[in-house]
């Protein structure tokens, strides 16, 4: 989930995790907040990546597949 380190994105990530969804949190700049969110959620991980960068997107997708 992109933009999940704060605000609406974090709230949606928490709701999805509460519903049993495994969350891959993503942020490009708010890395510490992203790691903190992932630590709060069961089986979640955080991937620092910019959705404007093709290589970062590939890493993000791979993390989602691997999770």
PDB file of N, CA and C in Angstrom:
ATOM      1  N   UNK A   1       0.833  -1.149   0.000  1.00  0.00           N
ATOM      2  CA  UNK A   1       0.000   0.000   0.000  1.00  0.00           C
ATOM      3  C   UNK A   1       0.888   1.224   0.000  1.00  0.00           C
ATOM      4  N   UNK A   2       0.790   2.039  -1.032  1.00  0.00           N
ATOM      5  CA  UNK A   2       1.617   3.236  -1.108  1.00  0.00           C
ATOM      6  C   UNK A   2       1.053   4.328  -0.213  1.00  0.00           C
ATOM      7  N   UNK A   3       1.932   5.183   0.287  1.00  0.00           N
ATOM      8  CA  UNK A   3       1.506   6.268   1.151  1.00  0.00           C
ATOM      9  C   UNK A   3       0.941   5.814   2.480  1.00  0.00           C
ATOM     10  N   UNK A   4       1.398   4.680   2.953  1.00  0.00           N
ATOM     11  CA  UNK A   4       0.786   4.092   4.141  1.00  0.00           C
ATOM     12  C   UNK A   4       1.467   4.477   5.446  1.00  0.00           C
ATOM     13  N   UNK A   5       2.419   5.371   5.405  1.00  0.00           N
ATOM     14  CA  UNK A   5       3.128   5.690   6.638  1.00  0.00           C
ATOM     15  C   UNK A   5       2.396   6.700   7.508  1.00  0.00           C
ATOM     16  N   UNK A   6       1.337   7.335   6.987  1.00  0.00           N
ATOM     17  CA  UNK A   6       0.596   8.308   7.798  1.00  0.00           C
ATOM     18  C   UNK A   6      -0.806   8.521   7.235  1.00  0.00           C
ATOM     19  N   UNK A   7      -1.608   9.206   8.002  1.00  0.00           N
ATOM     20  CA  UNK A   7      -2.924   9.636   7.548  1.00  0.00           C
ATOM     21  C   UNK A   7      -3.846   8.523   7.098  1.00  0.00           C
ATOM     22  N   UNK A   8      -4.549   8.790   6.006  1.00  0.00           N
ATOM     23  CA  UNK A   8      -5.527   7.843   5.474  1.00  0.00           C
ATOM     24  C   UNK A   8      -4.860   6.528   5.098  1.00  0.00           C
ATOM     25  N   UNK A   9      -3.676   6.580   4.504  1.00  0.00           N
ATOM     26  CA  UNK A   9      -2.982   5.356   4.116  1.00  0.00           C
ATOM     27  C   UNK A   9      -2.694   4.460   5.308  1.00  0.00           C
ATOM     28  N   UNK A  10      -2.247   5.046   6.413  1.00  0.00           N
ATOM     29  CA  UNK A  10      -1.971   4.264   7.618  1.00  0.00           C
ATOM     30  C   UNK A  10      -3.258   3.681   8.188  1.00  0.00           C
ATOM     31  N   UNK A  11      -4.327   4.469   8.164  1.00  0.00           N
ATOM     32  CA  UNK A  11      -5.612   3.983   8.666  1.00  0.00           C
ATOM     33  C   UNK A  11      -6.121   2.811   7.832  1.00  0.00           C
ATOM     34  N   UNK A  12      -5.982   2.906   6.524  1.00  0.00           N
ATOM     35  CA  UNK A  12      -6.415   1.812   5.650  1.00  0.00           C
ATOM     36  C   UNK A  12      -5.548   0.572   5.890  1.00  0.00           C
ATOM     37  N   UNK A  13      -4.250   0.763   6.036  1.00  0.00           N
ATOM     38  CA  UNK A  13      -3.350  -0.365   6.302  1.00  0.00           C
ATOM     39  C   UNK A  13      -3.750  -1.072   7.593  1.00  0.00           C
ATOM     40  N   UNK A  14      -4.081  -0.303   8.624  1.00  0.00           N
ATOM     41  CA  UNK A  14      -4.499  -0.900   9.897  1.00  0.00           C
ATOM     42  C   UNK A  14      -5.814  -1.675   9.751  1.00  0.00           C
ATOM     43  N   UNK A  15      -6.746  -1.122   9.009  1.00  0.00           N
ATOM     44  CA  UNK A  15      -8.032  -1.799   8.798  1.00  0.00           C
ATOM     45  C   UNK A  15      -7.841  -3.092   8.015  1.00  0.00           C
ATOM     46  N   UNK A  16      -7.007  -3.036   6.981  1.00  0.00           N
ATOM     47  CA  UNK A  16      -6.754  -4.242   6.193  1.00  0.00           C
ATOM     48  C   UNK A  16      -6.084  -5.311   7.044  1.00  0.00           C
ATOM     49  N   UNK A  17      -5.110  -4.907   7.849  1.00  0.00           N
ATOM     50  CA  UNK A  17      -4.423  -5.865   8.719  1.00  0.00           C
ATOM     51  C   UNK A  17      -5.411  -6.467   9.716  1.00  0.00           C
ATOM     52  N   UNK A  18      -6.316  -5.650  10.247  1.00  0.00           N
ATOM     53  CA  UNK A  18      -7.314  -6.141  11.196  1.00  0.00           C
ATOM     54  C   UNK A  18      -8.256  -7.151  10.538  1.00  0.00           C
ATOM     55  N   UNK A  19      -8.419  -7.029   9.216  1.00  0.00           N
ATOM     56  CA  UNK A  19      -9.273  -7.956   8.468  1.00  0.00           C
ATOM     57  C   UNK A  19      -8.505  -9.195   8.019  1.00  0.00           C
ATOM     58  N   UNK A  20      -7.224  -9.285   8.393  1.00  0.00           N
ATOM     59  CA  UNK A  20      -6.437 -10.463   8.062  1.00  0.00           C
ATOM     60  C   UNK A  20      -5.573 -10.347   6.820  1.00  0.00           C
ATOM     61  N   UNK A  21      -5.509  -9.174   6.247  1.00  0.00           N
ATOM     62  CA  UNK A  21      -4.690  -8.961   5.047  1.00  0.00           C
ATOM     63  C   UNK A  21      -3.236  -8.731   5.464  1.00  0.00           C
ATOM     64  N   UNK A  22      -2.310  -9.355   4.759  1.00  0.00           N
ATOM     65  CA  UNK A  22      -0.892  -9.109   5.003  1.00  0.00           C
ATOM     66  C   UNK A  22      -0.510  -7.832   4.273  1.00  0.00           C
ATOM     67  N   UNK A  23       0.017  -6.871   4.998  1.00  0.00           N
ATOM     68  CA  UNK A  23       0.271  -5.530   4.472  1.00  0.00           C
ATOM     69  C   UNK A  23       1.743  -5.342   4.133  1.00  0.00           C
ATOM     70  N   UNK A  24       1.990  -4.786   2.949  1.00  0.00           N
ATOM     71  CA  UNK A  24       3.313  -4.299   2.579  1.00  0.00           C
ATOM     72  C   UNK A  24       3.189  -2.781   2.546  1.00  0.00           C
ATOM     73  N   UNK A  25       3.682  -2.150   3.598  1.00  0.00           N
ATOM     74  CA  UNK A  25       3.616  -0.695   3.694  1.00  0.00           C
ATOM     75  C   UNK A  25       4.707  -0.089   2.820  1.00  0.00           C
ATOM     76  N   UNK A  26       4.400   1.059   2.248  1.00  0.00           N
ATOM     77  CA  UNK A  26       5.350   1.711   1.351  1.00  0.00           C
ATOM     78  C   UNK A  26       5.359   3.201   1.604  1.00  0.00           C
ATOM     79  N   UNK A  27       6.554   3.758   1.603  1.00  0.00           N
ATOM     80  CA  UNK A  27       6.737   5.204   1.591  1.00  0.00           C
ATOM     81  C   UNK A  27       8.098   5.476   0.982  1.00  0.00           C
ATOM     82  N   UNK A  28       8.229   6.627   0.372  1.00  0.00           N
ATOM     83  CA  UNK A  28       9.506   7.000  -0.222  1.00  0.00           C
ATOM     84  C   UNK A  28      10.328   7.861   0.729  1.00  0.00           C
ATOM     85  N   UNK A  29       9.650   8.643   1.556  1.00  0.00           N
ATOM     86  CA  UNK A  29      10.359   9.579   2.429  1.00  0.00           C
ATOM     87  C   UNK A  29      10.171   9.313   3.911  1.00  0.00           C
ATOM     88  N   UNK A  30       9.029   8.869   4.324  1.00  0.00           N
ATOM     89  CA  UNK A  30       8.738   8.673   5.748  1.00  0.00           C
ATOM     90  C   UNK A  30       9.118   7.263   6.174  1.00  0.00           C
ATOM     91  N   UNK A  31      10.386   6.970   6.070  1.00  0.00           N
ATOM     92  CA  UNK A  31      10.868   5.605   6.293  1.00  0.00           C
ATOM     93  C   UNK A  31      10.651   5.150   7.734  1.00  0.00           C
ATOM     94  N   UNK A  32      11.013   5.977   8.693  1.00  0.00           N
ATOM     95  CA  UNK A  32      10.863   5.579  10.097  1.00  0.00           C
ATOM     96  C   UNK A  32       9.396   5.326  10.437  1.00  0.00           C
ATOM     97  N   UNK A  33       8.515   6.187   9.964  1.00  0.00           N
ATOM     98  CA  UNK A  33       7.081   5.992  10.216  1.00  0.00           C
ATOM     99  C   UNK A  33       6.580   4.717   9.542  1.00  0.00           C
ATOM    100  N   UNK A  34       7.093   4.424   8.371  1.00  0.00           N
ATOM    101  CA  UNK A  34       6.717   3.197   7.677  1.00  0.00           C
ATOM    102  C   UNK A  34       7.170   1.960   8.419  1.00  0.00           C
ATOM    103  N   UNK A  35       8.391   1.992   8.935  1.00  0.00           N
ATOM    104  CA  UNK A  35       8.896   0.859   9.724  1.00  0.00           C
ATOM    105  C   UNK A  35       8.074   0.697  11.004  1.00  0.00           C
ATOM    106  N   UNK A  36       7.718   1.814  11.624  1.00  0.00           N
ATOM    107  CA  UNK A  36       6.926   1.757  12.849  1.00  0.00           C
ATOM    108  C   UNK A  36       5.552   1.160  12.581  1.00  0.00           C
ATOM    109  N   UNK A  37       4.916   1.583  11.498  1.00  0.00           N
ATOM    110  CA  UNK A  37       3.610   1.029  11.147  1.00  0.00           C
ATOM    111  C   UNK A  37       3.719  -0.476  10.916  1.00  0.00           C
ATOM    112  N   UNK A  38       4.701  -0.896  10.142  1.00  0.00           N
ATOM    113  CA  UNK A  38       4.869  -2.323   9.851  1.00  0.00           C
ATOM    114  C   UNK A  38       5.109  -3.116  11.132  1.00  0.00           C
ATOM    115  N   UNK A  39       5.816  -2.530  12.084  1.00  0.00           N
ATOM    116  CA  UNK A  39       6.073  -3.219  13.352  1.00  0.00           C
ATOM    117  C   UNK A  39       4.796  -3.399  14.168  1.00  0.00           C
ATOM    118  N   UNK A  40       3.827  -2.515  13.967  1.00  0.00           N
ATOM    119  CA  UNK A  40       2.562  -2.583  14.702  1.00  0.00           C
ATOM    120  C   UNK A  40       1.599  -3.623  14.127  1.00  0.00           C
ATOM    121  N   UNK A  41       1.796  -4.002  12.881  1.00  0.00           N
ATOM    122  CA  UNK A  41       0.839  -4.866  12.193  1.00  0.00           C
ATOM    123  C   UNK A  41       1.379  -6.288  12.075  1.00  0.00           C
ATOM    124  N   UNK A  42       0.513  -7.290  12.211  1.00  0.00           N
ATOM    125  CA  UNK A  42       0.977  -8.678  12.109  1.00  0.00           C
ATOM    126  C   UNK A  42       1.471  -9.009  10.704  1.00  0.00           C
ATOM    127  N   UNK A  43       2.647  -9.585  10.633  1.00  0.00           N
ATOM    128  CA  UNK A  43       3.249 -10.057   9.376  1.00  0.00           C
ATOM    129  C   UNK A  43       3.456  -8.953   8.340  1.00  0.00           C
ATOM    130  N   UNK A  44       3.459  -7.693   8.746  1.00  0.00           N
ATOM    131  CA  UNK A  44       3.643  -6.593   7.794  1.00  0.00           C
ATOM    132  C   UNK A  44       5.121  -6.292   7.594  1.00  0.00           C
ATOM    133  N   UNK A  45       5.427  -5.738   6.443  1.00  0.00           N
ATOM    134  CA  UNK A  45       6.774  -5.262   6.150  1.00  0.00           C
ATOM    135  C   UNK A  45       6.660  -3.864   5.555  1.00  0.00           C
ATOM    136  N   UNK A  46       7.750  -3.121   5.627  1.00  0.00           N
ATOM    137  CA  UNK A  46       7.808  -1.800   4.993  1.00  0.00           C
ATOM    138  C   UNK A  46       8.873  -1.837   3.917  1.00  0.00           C
ATOM    139  N   UNK A  47       8.557  -1.265   2.778  1.00  0.00           N
ATOM    140  CA  UNK A  47       9.522  -1.163   1.680  1.00  0.00           C
ATOM    141  C   UNK A  47       9.633   0.303   1.299  1.00  0.00           C
ATOM    142  N   UNK A  48      10.840   0.839   1.404  1.00  0.00           N
ATOM    143  CA  UNK A  48      11.066   2.208   0.938  1.00  0.00           C
ATOM    144  C   UNK A  48      11.189   2.160  -0.579  1.00  0.00           C
ATOM    145  N   UNK A  49      10.288   2.857  -1.245  1.00  0.00           N
ATOM    146  CA  UNK A  49      10.303   2.852  -2.705  1.00  0.00           C
ATOM    147  C   UNK A  49       9.508   4.038  -3.224  1.00  0.00           C
ATOM    148  N   UNK A  50       9.951   4.568  -4.343  1.00  0.00           N
ATOM    149  CA  UNK A  50       9.224   5.627  -5.035  1.00  0.00           C
ATOM    150  C   UNK A  50       8.437   4.999  -6.171  1.00  0.00           C
ATOM    151  N   UNK A  51       7.139   5.258  -6.219  1.00  0.00           N
ATOM    152  CA  UNK A  51       6.335   4.688  -7.298  1.00  0.00           C
ATOM    153  C   UNK A  51       6.635   5.371  -8.627  1.00  0.00           C
ATOM    154  N   UNK A  52       7.456   6.402  -8.618  1.00  0.00           N
ATOM    155  CA  UNK A  52       7.881   7.063  -9.846  1.00  0.00           C
ATOM    156  C   UNK A  52       9.121   6.401 -10.452  1.00  0.00           C
ATOM    157  N   UNK A  53       9.704   5.448  -9.728  1.00  0.00           N
ATOM    158  CA  UNK A  53      10.926   4.769 -10.171  1.00  0.00           C
ATOM    159  C   UNK A  53      10.609   3.312 -10.490  1.00  0.00           C
ATOM    160  N   UNK A  54      10.814   2.919 -11.723  1.00  0.00           N
ATOM    161  CA  UNK A  54      10.448   1.568 -12.173  1.00  0.00           C
ATOM    162  C   UNK A  54      11.142   0.472 -11.375  1.00  0.00           C
ATOM    163  N   UNK A  55      12.416   0.658 -11.071  1.00  0.00           N
ATOM    164  CA  UNK A  55      13.149  -0.358 -10.303  1.00  0.00           C
ATOM    165  C   UNK A  55      12.592  -0.462  -8.879  1.00  0.00           C
ATOM    166  N   UNK A  56      12.257   0.683  -8.282  1.00  0.00           N
ATOM    167  CA  UNK A  56      11.657   0.654  -6.945  1.00  0.00           C
ATOM    168  C   UNK A  56      10.316  -0.070  -6.968  1.00  0.00           C
ATOM    169  N   UNK A  57       9.517   0.184  -7.983  1.00  0.00           N
ATOM    170  CA  UNK A  57       8.216  -0.482  -8.103  1.00  0.00           C
ATOM    171  C   UNK A  57       8.404  -1.992  -8.226  1.00  0.00           C
ATOM    172  N   UNK A  58       9.392  -2.411  -8.989  1.00  0.00           N
ATOM    173  CA  UNK A  58       9.660  -3.846  -9.135  1.00  0.00           C
ATOM    174  C   UNK A  58      10.016  -4.458  -7.780  1.00  0.00           C
ATOM    175  N   UNK A  59      10.831  -3.767  -6.970  1.00  0.00           N
ATOM    176  CA  UNK A  59      11.172  -4.258  -5.628  1.00  0.00           C
ATOM    177  C   UNK A  59       9.943  -4.319  -4.737  1.00  0.00           C
ATOM    178  N   UNK A  60       9.082  -3.306  -4.852  1.00  0.00           N
ATOM    179  CA  UNK A  60       7.871  -3.264  -4.053  1.00  0.00           C
ATOM    180  C   UNK A  60       6.935  -4.415  -4.395  1.00  0.00           C
ATOM    181  N   UNK A  61       6.760  -4.675  -5.665  1.00  0.00           N
ATOM    182  CA  UNK A  61       5.919  -5.784  -6.100  1.00  0.00           C
ATOM    183  C   UNK A  61       6.518  -7.115  -5.644  1.00  0.00           C
ATOM    184  N   UNK A  62       7.818  -7.246  -5.762  1.00  0.00           N
ATOM    185  CA  UNK A  62       8.459  -8.484  -5.331  1.00  0.00           C
ATOM    186  C   UNK A  62       8.273  -8.703  -3.837  1.00  0.00           C
ATOM    187  N   UNK A  63       8.358  -7.643  -3.059  1.00  0.00           N
ATOM    188  CA  UNK A  63       8.138  -7.764  -1.620  1.00  0.00           C
ATOM    189  C   UNK A  63       6.720  -8.222  -1.332  1.00  0.00           C
ATOM    190  N   UNK A  64       5.760  -7.721  -2.102  1.00  0.00           N
ATOM    191  CA  UNK A  64       4.377  -8.141  -1.916  1.00  0.00           C
ATOM    192  C   UNK A  64       4.196  -9.613  -2.279  1.00  0.00           C
ATOM    193  N   UNK A  65       4.843 -10.062  -3.324  1.00  0.00           N
ATOM    194  CA  UNK A  65       4.768 -11.458  -3.732  1.00  0.00           C
ATOM    195  C   UNK A  65       5.402 -12.362  -2.677  1.00  0.00           C
ATOM    196  N   UNK A  66       6.523 -11.922  -2.132  1.00  0.00           N
ATOM    197  CA  UNK A  66       7.260 -12.715  -1.162  1.00  0.00           C
ATOM    198  C   UNK A  66       6.595 -12.740   0.220  1.00  0.00           C
ATOM    199  N   UNK A  67       5.731 -11.780   0.488  1.00  0.00           N
ATOM    200  CA  UNK A  67       5.124 -11.677   1.824  1.00  0.00           C
ATOM    201  C   UNK A  67       3.956 -12.545   1.942  1.00  0.00           C
TER     202      UNK A  67
END
